[in-house]
Amino acid sequence: MCRSIKILFNLDPPVTEAEIHAASLQYARKITGITKPSKYNEALLTAAVDEIAWTTAQLLSSLQTTAAPKNRDQEAEKAKVRNAGRVRAGTEK
């Protein structure tokens, strides 16, 4: 759906509330197409982001896995490599 939404589950160190909120805001902006809401829509968007963040936190705390946690630095490096490949592919057309 959106390349810049990051995986939040099973990371070392664990995800923070701020990261969950940022992902929730990004998700709400993506599905609504609103990045700068009007005064009327601002309260609605804020409430939706809060609900999405709460639900996301509940989901992440409920999930279980036997896999070792993913190293954030390694995952970030993999993402940079993938992104560089996309940028290169886009400029070669």
Protein backbone atom coordinates (compact mmCIF):
# COMPACT_ATOMS: atom_id res chain seq x y z
CA MET A 1 0.00 0.00 0.00
CA CYS A 2 2.50 2.60 1.11
CA ARG A 3 6.22 2.00 0.92
CA SER A 4 7.05 4.32 3.78
CA ILE A 5 4.91 2.56 6.40
CA LYS A 6 7.34 0.57 8.51
CA ILE A 7 7.00 -2.83 10.14
CA LEU A 8 6.37 -2.32 13.85
CA PHE A 9 6.19 -5.89 15.12
CA ASN A 10 9.03 -7.93 16.60
CA LEU A 11 11.74 -5.29 16.58
CA ASP A 12 14.74 -4.82 18.82
CA PRO A 13 14.47 -2.36 20.50
CA PRO A 14 10.65 -2.57 20.66
CA VAL A 15 8.45 -0.03 18.94
CA THR A 16 7.57 3.15 20.84
CA GLU A 17 4.22 4.89 21.27
CA ALA A 18 5.55 7.74 19.12
CA GLU A 19 6.32 5.33 16.27
CA ILE A 20 2.87 3.78 16.53
CA HIS A 21 1.28 7.24 16.46
CA ALA A 22 3.39 8.31 13.46
CA ALA A 23 2.41 5.18 11.52
CA SER A 24 -1.25 5.73 12.44
CA LEU A 25 -1.12 9.32 11.24
CA GLN A 26 0.54 8.24 8.00
CA TYR A 27 -2.10 5.56 7.45
CA ALA A 28 -4.98 7.98 8.08
CA ARG A 29 -3.45 10.55 5.73
CA LYS A 30 -2.93 7.92 3.04
CA ILE A 31 -6.47 6.55 3.06
CA THR A 32 -8.14 9.97 3.26
CA GLY A 33 -5.80 11.85 0.96
CA ILE A 34 -5.74 14.63 3.55
CA THR A 35 -2.34 15.91 4.68
CA LYS A 36 -3.46 19.30 5.94
CA PRO A 37 -7.03 18.99 7.28
CA SER A 38 -9.49 21.85 7.56
CA LYS A 39 -10.43 23.06 11.04
CA TYR A 40 -13.58 20.92 10.90
CA ASN A 41 -11.78 17.78 9.74
CA GLU A 42 -8.80 18.23 12.06
CA ALA A 43 -10.67 16.99 15.13
CA LEU A 44 -12.09 14.04 13.19
CA LEU A 45 -8.67 13.09 11.83
CA THR A 46 -7.07 13.41 15.26
CA ALA A 47 -9.72 11.17 16.83
CA ALA A 48 -9.30 8.59 14.06
CA VAL A 49 -5.50 8.60 14.44
CA ASP A 50 -5.86 8.08 18.19
CA GLU A 51 -8.20 5.12 17.61
CA ILE A 52 -5.90 3.61 14.98
CA ALA A 53 -2.91 4.02 17.30
CA TRP A 54 -4.76 2.37 20.19
CA THR A 55 -5.89 -0.53 17.99
CA THR A 56 -2.38 -0.92 16.57
CA ALA A 57 -0.84 -0.99 20.04
CA GLN A 58 -3.36 -3.63 21.13
CA LEU A 59 -2.62 -5.73 18.07
CA LEU A 60 1.15 -5.50 18.48
CA SER A 61 0.98 -6.41 22.17
CA SER A 62 -1.26 -9.40 21.41
CA LEU A 63 0.81 -10.93 18.62
CA GLN A 64 3.16 -13.79 19.44
CA THR A 65 6.12 -15.18 17.56
CA THR A 66 8.96 -17.59 18.08
CA ALA A 67 11.15 -15.70 15.61
CA ALA A 68 14.05 -13.66 16.91
CA PRO A 69 13.42 -9.90 16.97
CA LYS A 70 14.55 -8.02 13.88
CA ASN A 71 17.46 -5.64 14.30
CA ARG A 72 16.30 -2.11 13.49
CA ASP A 73 19.62 -1.05 11.99
CA GLN A 74 19.73 -4.05 9.66
CA GLU A 75 16.13 -3.54 8.61
CA ALA A 76 16.80 0.16 7.91
CA GLU A 77 19.81 -0.76 5.77
CA LYS A 78 17.74 -3.28 3.79
CA ALA A 79 15.10 -0.60 3.19
CA LYS A 80 17.75 1.86 1.93
CA VAL A 81 19.04 -0.74 -0.53
CA ARG A 82 15.50 -1.49 -1.77
CA ASN A 83 14.75 2.21 -2.13
CA ALA A 84 17.97 2.87 -4.01
CA GLY A 85 17.03 0.10 -6.45
CA ARG A 86 13.62 1.70 -7.00
CA VAL A 87 15.13 5.12 -7.59
CA ARG A 88 17.65 3.70 -10.08
CA ALA A 89 14.94 1.74 -11.89
CA GLY A 90 12.76 4.85 -12.12
CA THR A 91 15.49 6.99 -13.66
CA GLU A 92 16.47 4.41 -16.28
CA LYS A 93 13.12 4.50 -18.08
